[in-house]
N, C-alpha and C. Protein backbone atom coordinates (compact mmCIF):
# COMPACT_ATOMS: atom_id res chain seq x y z
N MET A 1 131.85 139.42 100.81
CA MET A 1 132.61 140.35 100.79
C MET A 1 132.10 140.51 99.29
N LYS A 2 132.33 141.78 98.80
CA LYS A 2 132.13 142.61 97.40
C LYS A 2 133.32 142.88 96.89
N ALA A 3 133.73 141.97 95.82
CA ALA A 3 135.00 142.32 95.03
C ALA A 3 134.89 143.63 94.52
N ARG A 4 136.06 143.73 94.75
CA ARG A 4 136.83 145.71 94.29
C ARG A 4 137.49 145.54 93.43
N PHE A 5 138.08 144.20 92.36
CA PHE A 5 138.85 144.18 91.70
C PHE A 5 138.13 143.10 90.75
N PRO A 6 138.17 143.20 89.12
CA PRO A 6 137.98 142.33 88.67
C PRO A 6 138.84 140.93 88.16
N GLY A 7 138.44 139.95 88.24
CA GLY A 7 139.13 138.59 88.26
C GLY A 7 138.59 137.69 87.85
N THR A 8 139.14 136.21 87.67
CA THR A 8 138.87 135.32 87.30
C THR A 8 138.52 134.03 88.50
N CYS A 9 137.63 133.87 88.37
CA CYS A 9 136.92 132.43 89.41
C CYS A 9 137.86 131.40 89.58
N THR A 10 138.74 131.00 90.31
CA THR A 10 139.13 129.48 89.93
C THR A 10 138.53 128.22 89.93
N GLU A 11 137.72 128.33 90.60
CA GLU A 11 137.01 127.16 90.60
C GLU A 11 135.83 126.54 89.61
N CYS A 12 134.92 127.93 88.70
CA CYS A 12 134.29 127.86 87.41
C CYS A 12 134.98 128.36 86.16
N GLY A 13 135.78 129.19 86.43
CA GLY A 13 136.73 129.73 85.24
C GLY A 13 135.55 131.11 84.74
N GLY A 14 134.79 131.40 85.69
CA GLY A 14 133.85 132.41 85.25
C GLY A 14 134.38 133.86 85.78
N GLN A 15 133.81 134.83 84.79
CA GLN A 15 134.69 136.31 85.61
C GLN A 15 134.32 136.46 86.67
N ILE A 16 134.87 137.37 87.25
CA ILE A 16 134.57 138.01 88.75
C ILE A 16 134.29 139.54 88.32
N LYS A 17 133.10 139.95 88.55
CA LYS A 17 132.88 141.62 88.35
C LYS A 17 132.97 142.32 89.43
N VAL A 18 133.71 143.42 89.29
CA VAL A 18 133.31 144.35 90.37
C VAL A 18 131.93 144.63 91.33
N GLY A 19 131.77 144.33 92.36
CA GLY A 19 130.68 144.78 93.24
C GLY A 19 129.96 143.01 93.52
N LYS A 20 130.41 142.10 92.60
CA LYS A 20 129.62 140.79 93.04
C LYS A 20 130.20 140.09 94.60
N THR A 21 129.48 139.20 94.55
CA THR A 21 129.78 138.72 96.26
C THR A 21 130.73 137.64 96.01
N ILE A 22 131.67 137.95 96.80
CA ILE A 22 132.65 136.65 96.66
C ILE A 22 133.31 136.08 98.03
N GLN A 23 133.84 135.08 98.18
CA GLN A 23 134.33 134.66 99.11
C GLN A 23 135.74 133.87 99.04
N LYS A 24 136.77 133.56 100.26
CA LYS A 24 137.81 132.51 99.93
C LYS A 24 136.92 130.96 100.03
N ASN A 25 137.63 130.15 99.41
CA ASN A 25 137.35 128.56 99.00
C ASN A 25 138.61 128.45 100.26
N SER A 26 138.82 126.73 100.74
CA SER A 26 139.24 126.15 101.43
C SER A 26 141.03 126.07 101.07
N LYS A 27 141.05 126.67 100.20
CA LYS A 27 142.88 126.88 99.54
C LYS A 27 143.05 128.44 99.35
N GLY A 28 142.06 129.15 100.05
CA GLY A 28 142.60 130.58 100.22
C GLY A 28 142.33 131.36 98.80
N GLN A 29 141.60 130.63 98.06
CA GLN A 29 141.48 131.63 96.72
C GLN A 29 140.19 132.39 96.71
N TRP A 30 140.22 133.53 96.00
CA TRP A 30 138.83 134.26 95.93
C TRP A 30 137.97 133.70 95.14
N VAL A 31 137.01 133.37 95.20
CA VAL A 31 135.76 132.54 94.38
C VAL A 31 134.36 132.98 94.55
N HIS A 32 133.78 133.12 93.48
CA HIS A 32 132.25 133.31 93.42
C HIS A 32 131.55 132.88 94.47
N ASP A 33 130.49 133.42 95.31
CA ASP A 33 130.42 132.87 96.73
C ASP A 33 129.31 131.80 96.48
N ALA A 34 128.67 131.29 95.43
CA ALA A 34 128.00 129.94 94.81
C ALA A 34 129.56 128.66 94.89
N CYS A 35 130.13 129.49 94.46
CA CYS A 35 131.52 128.30 94.08
C CYS A 35 132.50 127.90 95.24
N SER A 36 132.41 128.64 96.27
CA SER A 36 132.80 128.48 97.19
C SER A 36 132.79 126.92 98.02
N ASP A 37 133.72 126.30 98.52
CA ASP A 37 133.43 124.92 99.29
C ASP A 37 133.26 125.12 100.62
N LEU A 38 133.40 126.43 100.88
CA LEU A 38 133.29 126.64 102.69
C LEU A 38 132.22 127.12 102.73
N LYS A 39 131.00 127.25 103.82
CA LYS A 39 130.07 127.70 103.94
C LYS A 39 129.78 128.50 105.32
N ASP A 40 129.58 129.67 105.43
CA ASP A 40 129.54 130.47 106.51
C ASP A 40 128.35 130.10 107.91
N GLU A 41 129.04 129.57 108.77
CA GLU A 41 128.19 129.23 109.70
C GLU A 41 127.59 130.11 110.70
N LEU A 42 126.33 130.54 110.94
CA LEU A 42 125.88 131.37 111.57
C LEU A 42 126.05 130.92 113.19
N PRO A 43 125.71 131.44 114.10
CA PRO A 43 125.35 130.81 115.27
C PRO A 43 124.20 131.25 115.61
């Protein structure tokens, strides 16, 4: 998903810029796609 609002990644502490790819982690928090501990599994 693309970020619609600026924010801060709770995993790395880095800035999340509008338009960057983000996803939720196992705690339900929005983080950078690369910082998430969950990986999308395709069938």
